[in-house]
Amino acid sequence: MAQAITADALRGDRNGWQAERRRAFLFGLAPSLAVLLLITLVPAIALLVASFTPLQLTDPGGTFRFDDPLVNYRQLLHDERFLASIAVQAKLSVSSVGLQLLIGLGLALLLNGKSRLLEGARTLFLIPMVLPPIVVALIWKIMYTPDVSPMHRALDALGWPVRSLIANPQTALWAVSLADTWQWFPFTMLMVLAALQMIPDDPLEAATLEGANRWQLFRYIVLPCIRPVLVVCALFRLIDSFKAFPLIYVLTDGGPGSVTEVTNYYGFVQAFNFSYWGYASAIATVMLVGVFVLSWAVGKLGWSADEQR
């Protein structure tokens, strides 16, 4: 009887201690959560509310007018320039994220070693990722300007003159994609390198003894081990690909014409060039929802494939 009472008392003490521990964690996190909600939730709510209004800087009285709250969203369905910007964004995201995954994976496989030369090469490849986006945009602006570009001068010396890639409607979007890939492929490389170094040696050695070649080692052992990391990289880079504003603003200004006008840049034009803040808020809201849905779908497909495997 005394032992049962003692056990119940110990269990009660343990539960009480865990409850106190949870309360302490919540109390410690409360300031950070409050600040996070303040800087994320409040602007998001303001954006959503503004998207239901005809807010314009030339008509401040429309700030809280909700007589037709869906007018901006109906207009988006018939806005050919907005629909075209979605297609441009899709091309930019698919091309840049795909190139970043391929180049990052390839370099990670090449640099997966323990020599000082490889460590130095890794450090060099990380330089683009730590540069501010505006600096990267200025670097590639110089690279794409024929009068000052060393790339264009080298091609001219070889007898292969090339027009400015950002002034050609056929190549402008791919030029932006190349610049974005140059800046962010080190992110994939770094993540994959960390995953490669966590793969145990035993399965690789056993497969090598069984006669597996390098392609078979990669396909059946290495790739399944690093697939979750590739999915995470794809998700992060997919989300960030919707924020390629500095590159487009500096390199092409949405042109030539509107061939590089992605959705967020079109929203910027509507808000700051034409002062249609309500309409621009609707564009941003649709874009935000689209990013969430697309990220969820990519993550779901990636993790489902891993579970089945």
C-alpha atoms as a PDB file:
ATOM      1  CA  MET A   1       0.000   0.000   0.000  1.00  0.00           C
ATOM      2  CA  ALA A   2       2.779   2.401   0.915  1.00  0.00           C
ATOM      3  CA  GLN A   3       4.664   1.504  -2.277  1.00  0.00           C
ATOM      4  CA  ALA A   4       1.565   2.226  -4.402  1.00  0.00           C
ATOM      5  CA  ILE A   5       1.144   5.593  -2.724  1.00  0.00           C
ATOM      6  CA  THR A   6       4.824   6.360  -3.299  1.00  0.00           C
ATOM      7  CA  ALA A   7       4.577   5.410  -7.002  1.00  0.00           C
ATOM      8  CA  ASP A   8       1.497   7.598  -7.439  1.00  0.00           C
ATOM      9  CA  ALA A   9       3.266  10.472  -5.715  1.00  0.00           C
ATOM     10  CA  LEU A  10       6.325  10.084  -7.941  1.00  0.00           C
ATOM     11  CA  ARG A  11       4.132   9.958 -11.027  1.00  0.00           C
ATOM     12  CA  GLY A  12       2.307  13.059  -9.875  1.00  0.00           C
ATOM     13  CA  ASP A  13       5.589  14.848  -9.234  1.00  0.00           C
ATOM     14  CA  ARG A  14       6.856  13.866 -12.678  1.00  0.00           C
ATOM     15  CA  ASN A  15       3.692  15.106 -14.384  1.00  0.00           C
ATOM     16  CA  GLY A  16       3.835  18.313 -12.386  1.00  0.00           C
ATOM     17  CA  TRP A  17       7.480  18.838 -13.332  1.00  0.00           C
ATOM     18  CA  GLN A  18       6.716  18.266 -17.023  1.00  0.00           C
ATOM     19  CA  ALA A  19       3.814  20.704 -16.846  1.00  0.00           C
ATOM     20  CA  GLU A  20       6.088  23.292 -15.223  1.00  0.00           C
ATOM     21  CA  ARG A  21       8.692  22.625 -17.915  1.00  0.00           C
ATOM     22  CA  ARG A  22       6.152  23.187 -20.699  1.00  0.00           C
ATOM     23  CA  ARG A  23       4.967  26.403 -19.061  1.00  0.00           C
ATOM     24  CA  ALA A  24       8.555  27.604 -18.774  1.00  0.00           C
ATOM     25  CA  PHE A  25       9.162  26.904 -22.460  1.00  0.00           C
ATOM     26  CA  LEU A  26       5.986  28.717 -23.453  1.00  0.00           C
ATOM     27  CA  PHE A  27       6.865  31.651 -21.208  1.00  0.00           C
ATOM     28  CA  GLY A  28      10.334  31.852 -22.768  1.00  0.00           C
ATOM     29  CA  LEU A  29       8.977  31.626 -26.309  1.00  0.00           C
ATOM     30  CA  ALA A  30       6.148  34.083 -25.774  1.00  0.00           C
ATOM     31  CA  PRO A  31       8.144  37.279 -26.580  1.00  0.00           C
ATOM     32  CA  SER A  32       9.600  35.784 -29.740  1.00  0.00           C
ATOM     33  CA  LEU A  33       6.207  34.462 -30.857  1.00  0.00           C
ATOM     34  CA  ALA A  34       4.625  37.852 -30.203  1.00  0.00           C
ATOM     35  CA  VAL A  35       7.236  39.636 -32.321  1.00  0.00           C
ATOM     36  CA  LEU A  36       6.924  36.996 -35.051  1.00  0.00           C
ATOM     37  CA  LEU A  37       3.157  37.378 -35.167  1.00  0.00           C
ATOM     38  CA  LEU A  38       3.500  41.146 -35.201  1.00  0.00           C
ATOM     39  CA  ILE A  39       5.855  41.246 -38.189  1.00  0.00           C
ATOM     40  CA  THR A  40       4.186  38.448 -40.187  1.00  0.00           C
ATOM     41  CA  LEU A  41       0.548  38.049 -39.270  1.00  0.00           C
ATOM     42  CA  VAL A  42      -0.359  41.733 -39.054  1.00  0.00           C
ATOM     43  CA  PRO A  43       1.078  42.642 -42.500  1.00  0.00           C
ATOM     44  CA  ALA A  44      -0.540  39.525 -43.996  1.00  0.00           C
ATOM     45  CA  ILE A  45      -3.942  40.534 -42.616  1.00  0.00           C
ATOM     46  CA  ALA A  46      -3.448  44.098 -43.865  1.00  0.00           C
ATOM     47  CA  LEU A  47      -2.558  42.746 -47.317  1.00  0.00           C
ATOM     48  CA  LEU A  48      -5.656  40.542 -47.391  1.00  0.00           C
ATOM     49  CA  VAL A  49      -7.942  43.369 -46.256  1.00  0.00           C
ATOM     50  CA  ALA A  50      -6.471  45.761 -48.836  1.00  0.00           C
ATOM     51  CA  SER A  51      -7.052  43.204 -51.602  1.00  0.00           C
ATOM     52  CA  PHE A  52     -10.830  43.519 -50.994  1.00  0.00           C
ATOM     53  CA  THR A  53     -10.804  47.281 -51.510  1.00  0.00           C
ATOM     54  CA  PRO A  54     -10.325  49.573 -54.534  1.00  0.00           C
ATOM     55  CA  LEU A  55      -7.474  51.317 -52.706  1.00  0.00           C
ATOM     56  CA  GLN A  56      -5.532  53.826 -54.804  1.00  0.00           C
ATOM     57  CA  LEU A  57      -3.187  56.582 -53.740  1.00  0.00           C
ATOM     58  CA  THR A  58      -5.223  58.952 -55.889  1.00  0.00           C
ATOM     59  CA  ASP A  59      -8.390  57.899 -53.998  1.00  0.00           C
ATOM     60  CA  PRO A  60      -7.545  57.448 -50.301  1.00  0.00           C
ATOM     61  CA  GLY A  61     -11.252  57.249 -49.499  1.00  0.00           C
ATOM     62  CA  GLY A  62     -11.372  53.764 -51.015  1.00  0.00           C
ATOM     63  CA  THR A  63      -9.195  52.361 -48.260  1.00  0.00           C
ATOM     64  CA  PHE A  64     -12.090  50.863 -46.288  1.00  0.00           C
ATOM     65  CA  ARG A  65     -14.729  50.581 -49.003  1.00  0.00           C
ATOM     66  CA  PHE A  66     -15.990  46.994 -49.237  1.00  0.00           C
ATOM     67  CA  ASP A  67     -19.035  47.455 -51.462  1.00  0.00           C
ATOM     68  CA  ASP A  68     -17.619  44.991 -54.044  1.00  0.00           C
ATOM     69  CA  PRO A  69     -14.856  43.044 -52.235  1.00  0.00           C
ATOM     70  CA  LEU A  70     -14.113  40.579 -55.061  1.00  0.00           C
ATOM     71  CA  VAL A  71     -13.727  43.107 -57.849  1.00  0.00           C
ATOM     72  CA  ASN A  72      -9.922  42.867 -57.868  1.00  0.00           C
ATOM     73  CA  TYR A  73      -9.982  39.070 -58.029  1.00  0.00           C
ATOM     74  CA  ARG A  74     -12.512  39.078 -60.863  1.00  0.00           C
ATOM     75  CA  GLN A  75     -10.338  41.512 -62.746  1.00  0.00           C
ATOM     76  CA  LEU A  76      -7.324  39.215 -62.327  1.00  0.00           C
ATOM     77  CA  LEU A  77      -9.139  36.423 -64.155  1.00  0.00           C
ATOM     78  CA  HIS A  78      -9.414  38.645 -67.249  1.00  0.00           C
ATOM     79  CA  ASP A  79      -6.054  40.400 -66.962  1.00  0.00           C
ATOM     80  CA  GLU A  80      -3.951  38.940 -69.789  1.00  0.00           C
ATOM     81  CA  ARG A  81      -0.811  40.620 -68.504  1.00  0.00           C
ATOM     82  CA  PHE A  82      -1.263  38.995 -65.087  1.00  0.00           C
ATOM     83  CA  LEU A  83      -1.892  35.577 -66.637  1.00  0.00           C
ATOM     84  CA  ALA A  84       1.183  36.003 -68.826  1.00  0.00           C
ATOM     85  CA  SER A  85       3.244  36.906 -65.751  1.00  0.00           C
ATOM     86  CA  ILE A  86       2.268  33.576 -64.163  1.00  0.00           C
ATOM     87  CA  ALA A  87       3.582  31.739 -67.225  1.00  0.00           C
ATOM     88  CA  VAL A  88       6.822  33.756 -67.085  1.00  0.00           C
ATOM     89  CA  GLN A  89       7.196  32.966 -63.382  1.00  0.00           C
ATOM     90  CA  ALA A  90       6.651  29.261 -64.052  1.00  0.00           C
ATOM     91  CA  LYS A  91       9.352  29.227 -66.741  1.00  0.00           C
ATOM     92  CA  LEU A  92      11.802  31.087 -64.508  1.00  0.00           C
ATOM     93  CA  SER A  93      11.135  28.882 -61.463  1.00  0.00           C
ATOM     94  CA  VAL A  94      11.349  25.578 -63.335  1.00  0.00           C
ATOM     95  CA  SER A  95      14.499  26.500 -65.245  1.00  0.00           C
ATOM     96  CA  SER A  96      16.401  28.084 -62.347  1.00  0.00           C
ATOM     97  CA  VAL A  97      15.461  25.501 -59.706  1.00  0.00           C
ATOM     98  CA  GLY A  98      16.165  22.626 -62.099  1.00  0.00           C
ATOM     99  CA  LEU A  99      19.594  24.016 -62.996  1.00  0.00           C
ATOM    100  CA  GLN A 100      20.445  24.696 -59.362  1.00  0.00           C
ATOM    101  CA  LEU A 101      19.604  21.120 -58.381  1.00  0.00           C
ATOM    102  CA  LEU A 102      21.573  19.604 -61.268  1.00  0.00           C
ATOM    103  CA  ILE A 103      24.656  21.812 -60.906  1.00  0.00           C
ATOM    104  CA  GLY A 104      24.619  21.647 -57.102  1.00  0.00           C
ATOM    105  CA  LEU A 105      24.277  17.860 -57.127  1.00  0.00           C
ATOM    106  CA  GLY A 106      27.019  17.418 -59.728  1.00  0.00           C
ATOM    107  CA  LEU A 107      29.489  19.647 -57.916  1.00  0.00           C
ATOM    108  CA  ALA A 108      28.679  18.035 -54.565  1.00  0.00           C
ATOM    109  CA  LEU A 109      29.526  14.623 -56.019  1.00  0.00           C
ATOM    110  CA  LEU A 110      32.782  15.967 -57.455  1.00  0.00           C
ATOM    111  CA  LEU A 111      33.805  17.796 -54.267  1.00  0.00           C
ATOM    112  CA  ASN A 112      32.872  15.016 -51.847  1.00  0.00           C
ATOM    113  CA  GLY A 113      36.312  14.302 -50.461  1.00  0.00           C
ATOM    114  CA  LYS A 114      38.738  15.138 -47.651  1.00  0.00           C
ATOM    115  CA  SER A 115      41.582  16.992 -49.340  1.00  0.00           C
ATOM    116  CA  ARG A 116      42.573  20.618 -48.798  1.00  0.00           C
ATOM    117  CA  LEU A 117      42.176  21.302 -52.502  1.00  0.00           C
ATOM    118  CA  LEU A 118      38.533  20.197 -52.396  1.00  0.00           C
ATOM    119  CA  GLU A 119      37.913  22.220 -49.228  1.00  0.00           C
ATOM    120  CA  GLY A 120      39.319  25.324 -50.924  1.00  0.00           C
ATOM    121  CA  ALA A 121      37.158  24.708 -53.995  1.00  0.00           C
ATOM    122  CA  ARG A 122      34.051  24.415 -51.795  1.00  0.00           C
ATOM    123  CA  THR A 123      34.830  27.771 -50.201  1.00  0.00           C
ATOM    124  CA  LEU A 124      35.203  29.437 -53.592  1.00  0.00           C
ATOM    125  CA  PHE A 125      31.906  28.031 -54.809  1.00  0.00           C
ATOM    126  CA  LEU A 126      30.126  29.455 -51.756  1.00  0.00           C
ATOM    127  CA  ILE A 127      31.050  33.059 -52.614  1.00  0.00           C
ATOM    128  CA  PRO A 128      28.035  33.799 -54.895  1.00  0.00           C
ATOM    129  CA  MET A 129      25.574  32.693 -52.222  1.00  0.00           C
ATOM    130  CA  VAL A 130      26.843  35.184 -49.626  1.00  0.00           C
ATOM    131  CA  LEU A 131      26.703  38.176 -51.969  1.00  0.00           C
ATOM    132  CA  PRO A 132      23.705  40.535 -51.672  1.00  0.00           C
ATOM    133  CA  PRO A 133      21.192  40.004 -54.520  1.00  0.00           C
ATOM    134  CA  ILE A 134      21.657  43.575 -55.757  1.00  0.00           C
ATOM    135  CA  VAL A 135      25.419  43.004 -56.064  1.00  0.00           C
ATOM    136  CA  VAL A 136      24.806  39.809 -58.042  1.00  0.00           C
ATOM    137  CA  ALA A 137      22.425  41.721 -60.300  1.00  0.00           C
ATOM    138  CA  LEU A 138      25.041  44.421 -60.940  1.00  0.00           C
ATOM    139  CA  ILE A 139      27.711  41.799 -61.710  1.00  0.00           C
ATOM    140  CA  TRP A 140      25.513  40.153 -64.312  1.00  0.00           C
ATOM    141  CA  LYS A 141      24.418  43.532 -65.686  1.00  0.00           C
ATOM    142  CA  ILE A 142      28.075  44.123 -66.525  1.00  0.00           C
ATOM    143  CA  MET A 143      28.423  40.604 -67.931  1.00  0.00           C
ATOM    144  CA  TYR A 144      25.426  41.116 -70.211  1.00  0.00           C
ATOM    145  CA  THR A 145      26.407  44.617 -71.437  1.00  0.00           C
ATOM    146  CA  PRO A 146      28.450  44.148 -74.656  1.00  0.00           C
ATOM    147  CA  ASP A 147      30.448  47.387 -74.339  1.00  0.00           C
ATOM    148  CA  VAL A 148      32.013  46.438 -70.998  1.00  0.00           C
ATOM    149  CA  SER A 149      31.465  42.701 -70.714  1.00  0.00           C
ATOM    150  CA  PRO A 150      34.609  40.522 -70.709  1.00  0.00           C
ATOM    151  CA  MET A 151      32.443  37.653 -71.919  1.00  0.00           C
ATOM    152  CA  HIS A 152      31.277  39.580 -74.982  1.00  0.00           C
ATOM    153  CA  ARG A 153      34.784  40.831 -75.712  1.00  0.00           C
ATOM    154  CA  ALA A 154      36.160  37.285 -75.571  1.00  0.00           C
ATOM    155  CA  LEU A 155      33.443  36.069 -77.944  1.00  0.00           C
ATOM    156  CA  ASP A 156      34.142  38.983 -80.301  1.00  0.00           C
ATOM    157  CA  ALA A 157      37.853  38.107 -80.302  1.00  0.00           C
ATOM    158  CA  LEU A 158      36.963  34.526 -81.249  1.00  0.00           C
ATOM    159  CA  GLY A 159      34.795  35.773 -84.106  1.00  0.00           C
ATOM    160  CA  TRP A 160      31.501  34.900 -82.414  1.00  0.00           C
ATOM    161  CA  PRO A 161      29.804  38.248 -81.742  1.00  0.00           C
ATOM    162  CA  VAL A 162      26.675  37.896 -79.609  1.00  0.00           C
ATOM    163  CA  ARG A 163      23.899  40.391 -78.973  1.00  0.00           C
ATOM    164  CA  SER A 164      23.119  41.413 -75.430  1.00  0.00           C
ATOM    165  CA  LEU A 165      21.258  38.489 -73.914  1.00  0.00           C
ATOM    166  CA  ILE A 166      19.027  40.700 -71.775  1.00  0.00           C
ATOM    167  CA  ALA A 167      18.042  42.869 -74.762  1.00  0.00           C
ATOM    168  CA  ASN A 168      16.953  39.891 -76.852  1.00  0.00           C
ATOM    169  CA  PRO A 169      13.345  38.767 -76.198  1.00  0.00           C
ATOM    170  CA  GLN A 170      14.347  35.178 -77.011  1.00  0.00           C
ATOM    171  CA  THR A 171      17.097  34.980 -74.382  1.00  0.00           C
ATOM    172  CA  ALA A 172      16.272  37.595 -71.717  1.00  0.00           C
ATOM    173  CA  LEU A 173      14.386  35.245 -69.390  1.00  0.00           C
ATOM    174  CA  TRP A 174      17.047  32.539 -69.654  1.00  0.00           C
ATOM    175  CA  ALA A 175      19.722  35.141 -68.914  1.00  0.00           C
ATOM    176  CA  VAL A 176      17.912  36.017 -65.677  1.00  0.00           C
ATOM    177  CA  SER A 177      17.600  32.309 -64.891  1.00  0.00           C
ATOM    178  CA  LEU A 178      21.338  31.838 -65.414  1.00  0.00           C
ATOM    179  CA  ALA A 179      22.171  34.687 -63.037  1.00  0.00           C
ATOM    180  CA  ASP A 180      19.806  33.305 -60.401  1.00  0.00           C
ATOM    181  CA  THR A 181      21.328  29.834 -60.822  1.00  0.00           C
ATOM    182  CA  TRP A 182      24.858  31.220 -60.420  1.00  0.00           C
ATOM    183  CA  GLN A 183      23.948  32.814 -57.118  1.00  0.00           C
ATOM    184  CA  TRP A 184      22.036  29.939 -55.544  1.00  0.00           C
ATOM    185  CA  PHE A 185      23.462  26.626 -56.798  1.00  0.00           C
ATOM    186  CA  PRO A 186      25.927  26.684 -53.820  1.00  0.00           C
ATOM    187  CA  PHE A 187      22.947  26.226 -51.497  1.00  0.00           C
ATOM    188  CA  THR A 188      22.089  22.881 -53.103  1.00  0.00           C
ATOM    189  CA  MET A 189      25.759  21.929 -53.282  1.00  0.00           C
ATOM    190  CA  LEU A 190      26.251  22.596 -49.566  1.00  0.00           C
ATOM    191  CA  MET A 191      23.137  20.677 -48.517  1.00  0.00           C
ATOM    192  CA  VAL A 192      23.945  17.684 -50.722  1.00  0.00           C
ATOM    193  CA  LEU A 193      27.564  17.652 -49.543  1.00  0.00           C
ATOM    194  CA  ALA A 194      26.386  17.398 -45.949  1.00  0.00           C
ATOM    195  CA  ALA A 195      24.049  14.534 -46.890  1.00  0.00           C
ATOM    196  CA  LEU A 196      26.773  12.700 -48.814  1.00  0.00           C
ATOM    197  CA  GLN A 197      29.141  12.841 -45.866  1.00  0.00           C
ATOM    198  CA  MET A 198      26.485  11.246 -43.645  1.00  0.00           C
ATOM    199  CA  ILE A 199      26.088   8.156 -45.880  1.00  0.00           C
ATOM    200  CA  PRO A 200      27.727   5.157 -44.155  1.00  0.00           C
ATOM    201  CA  ASP A 201      30.614   3.474 -45.989  1.00  0.00           C
ATOM    202  CA  ASP A 202      29.442  -0.100 -45.407  1.00  0.00           C
ATOM    203  CA  PRO A 203      26.685  -0.227 -48.076  1.00  0.00           C
ATOM    204  CA  LEU A 204      28.984   1.398 -50.647  1.00  0.00           C
ATOM    205  CA  GLU A 205      31.834  -0.991 -49.913  1.00  0.00           C
ATOM    206  CA  ALA A 206      29.524  -4.017 -50.005  1.00  0.00           C
ATOM    207  CA  ALA A 207      28.037  -2.946 -53.346  1.00  0.00           C
ATOM    208  CA  THR A 208      31.516  -2.314 -54.759  1.00  0.00           C
ATOM    209  CA  LEU A 209      32.612  -5.803 -53.748  1.00  0.00           C
ATOM    210  CA  GLU A 210      29.529  -7.179 -55.508  1.00  0.00           C
ATOM    211  CA  GLY A 211      30.690  -5.514 -58.725  1.00  0.00           C
ATOM    212  CA  ALA A 212      28.481  -2.422 -58.818  1.00  0.00           C
ATOM    213  CA  ASN A 213      29.783   0.409 -60.983  1.00  0.00           C
ATOM    214  CA  ARG A 214      29.652   4.129 -60.102  1.00  0.00           C
ATOM    215  CA  TRP A 215      26.317   4.727 -61.794  1.00  0.00           C
ATOM    216  CA  GLN A 216      24.725   1.816 -59.926  1.00  0.00           C
ATOM    217  CA  LEU A 217      26.173   3.042 -56.634  1.00  0.00           C
ATOM    218  CA  PHE A 218      24.701   6.466 -57.263  1.00  0.00           C
ATOM    219  CA  ARG A 219      21.306   5.224 -58.465  1.00  0.00           C
ATOM    220  CA  TYR A 220      20.595   2.535 -55.878  1.00  0.00           C
ATOM    221  CA  ILE A 221      22.460   3.751 -52.774  1.00  0.00           C
ATOM    222  CA  VAL A 222      23.488   7.411 -52.928  1.00  0.00           C
ATOM    223  CA  LEU A 223      20.379   8.886 -54.568  1.00  0.00           C
ATOM    224  CA  PRO A 224      17.852   7.234 -52.202  1.00  0.00           C
ATOM    225  CA  CYS A 225      19.891   8.500 -49.238  1.00  0.00           C
ATOM    226  CA  ILE A 226      20.040  12.107 -50.436  1.00  0.00           C
ATOM    227  CA  ARG A 227      16.548  12.274 -51.975  1.00  0.00           C
ATOM    228  CA  PRO A 228      14.965  13.924 -48.887  1.00  0.00           C
ATOM    229  CA  VAL A 229      17.677  16.596 -48.974  1.00  0.00           C
ATOM    230  CA  LEU A 230      17.010  17.232 -52.664  1.00  0.00           C
ATOM    231  CA  VAL A 231      13.307  17.625 -51.909  1.00  0.00           C
ATOM    232  CA  VAL A 232      14.080  20.171 -49.177  1.00  0.00           C
ATOM    233  CA  CYS A 233      16.440  22.057 -51.503  1.00  0.00           C
ATOM    234  CA  ALA A 234      13.796  22.088 -54.227  1.00  0.00           C
ATOM    235  CA  LEU A 235      11.212  23.464 -51.786  1.00  0.00           C
ATOM    236  CA  PHE A 236      13.460  26.226 -50.474  1.00  0.00           C
ATOM    237  CA  ARG A 237      14.658  27.248 -53.909  1.00  0.00           C
ATOM    238  CA  LEU A 238      11.149  27.061 -55.377  1.00  0.00           C
ATOM    239  CA  ILE A 239       9.893  29.485 -52.748  1.00  0.00           C
ATOM    240  CA  ASP A 240      12.880  31.792 -53.225  1.00  0.00           C
ATOM    241  CA  SER A 241      12.489  31.720 -57.012  1.00  0.00           C
ATOM    242  CA  PHE A 242       9.353  33.821 -56.561  1.00  0.00           C
ATOM    243  CA  LYS A 243      11.539  36.549 -55.053  1.00  0.00           C
ATOM    244  CA  ALA A 244      13.841  37.184 -58.019  1.00  0.00           C
ATOM    245  CA  PHE A 245      12.830  40.843 -57.977  1.00  0.00           C
ATOM    246  CA  PRO A 246      16.319  42.463 -57.691  1.00  0.00           C
ATOM    247  CA  LEU A 247      17.642  40.549 -60.698  1.00  0.00           C
ATOM    248  CA  ILE A 248      14.714  41.494 -62.907  1.00  0.00           C
ATOM    249  CA  TYR A 249      14.628  45.094 -61.686  1.00  0.00           C
ATOM    250  CA  VAL A 250      18.315  45.673 -62.442  1.00  0.00           C
ATOM    251  CA  LEU A 251      18.815  43.444 -65.488  1.00  0.00           C
ATOM    252  CA  THR A 252      15.677  43.841 -67.585  1.00  0.00           C
ATOM    253  CA  ASP A 253      13.088  46.028 -65.793  1.00  0.00           C
ATOM    254  CA  GLY A 254      10.547  43.425 -66.877  1.00  0.00           C
ATOM    255  CA  GLY A 255      11.490  43.708 -70.543  1.00  0.00           C
ATOM    256  CA  PRO A 256      12.075  43.558 -73.388  1.00  0.00           C
ATOM    257  CA  GLY A 257       8.370  44.199 -73.563  1.00  0.00           C
ATOM    258  CA  SER A 258       7.052  41.983 -70.796  1.00  0.00           C
ATOM    259  CA  VAL A 259       8.969  38.753 -71.467  1.00  0.00           C
ATOM    260  CA  THR A 260      10.650  38.834 -68.026  1.00  0.00           C
ATOM    261  CA  GLU A 261       7.749  40.380 -66.113  1.00  0.00           C
ATOM    262  CA  VAL A 262       7.080  37.833 -63.368  1.00  0.00           C
ATOM    263  CA  THR A 263       4.088  38.047 -61.052  1.00  0.00           C
ATOM    264  CA  ASN A 264       5.715  39.915 -58.182  1.00  0.00           C
ATOM    265  CA  TYR A 265       7.215  42.450 -60.584  1.00  0.00           C
ATOM    266  CA  TYR A 266       3.801  42.993 -62.170  1.00  0.00           C
ATOM    267  CA  GLY A 267       2.387  43.612 -58.688  1.00  0.00           C
ATOM    268  CA  PHE A 268       5.189  46.113 -58.076  1.00  0.00           C
ATOM    269  CA  VAL A 269       4.307  47.933 -61.307  1.00  0.00           C
ATOM    270  CA  GLN A 270       0.629  48.114 -60.374  1.00  0.00           C
ATOM    271  CA  ALA A 271       1.397  49.410 -56.885  1.00  0.00           C
ATOM    272  CA  PHE A 272       4.253  51.871 -57.470  1.00  0.00           C
ATOM    273  CA  ASN A 273       3.851  52.881 -61.110  1.00  0.00           C
ATOM    274  CA  PHE A 274       0.056  53.134 -61.264  1.00  0.00           C
ATOM    275  CA  SER A 275      -0.782  53.410 -57.513  1.00  0.00           C
ATOM    276  CA  TYR A 276      -3.346  50.575 -57.667  1.00  0.00           C
ATOM    277  CA  TRP A 277      -2.621  49.299 -54.169  1.00  0.00           C
ATOM    278  CA  GLY A 278      -5.800  47.262 -53.807  1.00  0.00           C
ATOM    279  CA  TYR A 279      -5.206  45.481 -57.104  1.00  0.00           C
ATOM    280  CA  ALA A 280      -1.542  44.910 -56.284  1.00  0.00           C
ATOM    281  CA  SER A 281      -2.572  43.462 -52.917  1.00  0.00           C
ATOM    282  CA  ALA A 282      -4.846  41.003 -54.701  1.00  0.00           C
ATOM    283  CA  ILE A 283      -1.922  39.981 -56.940  1.00  0.00           C
ATOM    284  CA  ALA A 284       0.300  39.456 -53.894  1.00  0.00           C
ATOM    285  CA  THR A 285      -2.408  37.451 -52.111  1.00  0.00           C
ATOM    286  CA  VAL A 286      -2.939  35.146 -55.076  1.00  0.00           C
ATOM    287  CA  MET A 287       0.804  34.739 -55.387  1.00  0.00           C
ATOM    288  CA  LEU A 288       1.155  33.906 -51.690  1.00  0.00           C
ATOM    289  CA  VAL A 289      -1.582  31.277 -51.846  1.00  0.00           C
ATOM    290  CA  GLY A 290      -0.054  29.824 -55.013  1.00  0.00           C
ATOM    291  CA  VAL A 291       3.365  29.501 -53.364  1.00  0.00           C
ATOM    292  CA  PHE A 292       1.840  27.692 -50.377  1.00  0.00           C
ATOM    293  CA  VAL A 293      -0.125  25.282 -52.566  1.00  0.00           C
ATOM    294  CA  LEU A 294       2.783  24.595 -54.900  1.00  0.00           C
ATOM    295  CA  SER A 295       5.207  24.058 -52.013  1.00  0.00           C
ATOM    296  CA  TRP A 296       2.763  21.686 -50.321  1.00  0.00           C
ATOM    297  CA  ALA A 297       2.290  19.714 -53.548  1.00  0.00           C
ATOM    298  CA  VAL A 298       6.024  19.401 -54.243  1.00  0.00           C
ATOM    299  CA  GLY A 299       6.751  18.402 -50.651  1.00  0.00           C
ATOM    300  CA  LYS A 300       3.891  15.906 -50.601  1.00  0.00           C
ATOM    301  CA  LEU A 301       4.997  14.260 -53.830  1.00  0.00           C
ATOM    302  CA  GLY A 302       8.631  14.150 -52.714  1.00  0.00           C
ATOM    303  CA  TRP A 303       7.963  12.647 -49.303  1.00  0.00           C
ATOM    304  CA  SER A 304       5.371  10.204 -50.694  1.00  0.00           C
ATOM    305  CA  ALA A 305       7.961   8.906 -53.149  1.00  0.00           C
ATOM    306  CA  ASP A 306      10.436   8.431 -50.299  1.00  0.00           C
ATOM    307  CA  GLU A 307       7.886   6.548 -48.181  1.00  0.00           C
ATOM    308  CA  GLN A 308       7.011   4.230 -51.076  1.00  0.00           C
ATOM    309  CA  ARG A 309      10.675   3.620 -51.763  1.00  0.00           C
END
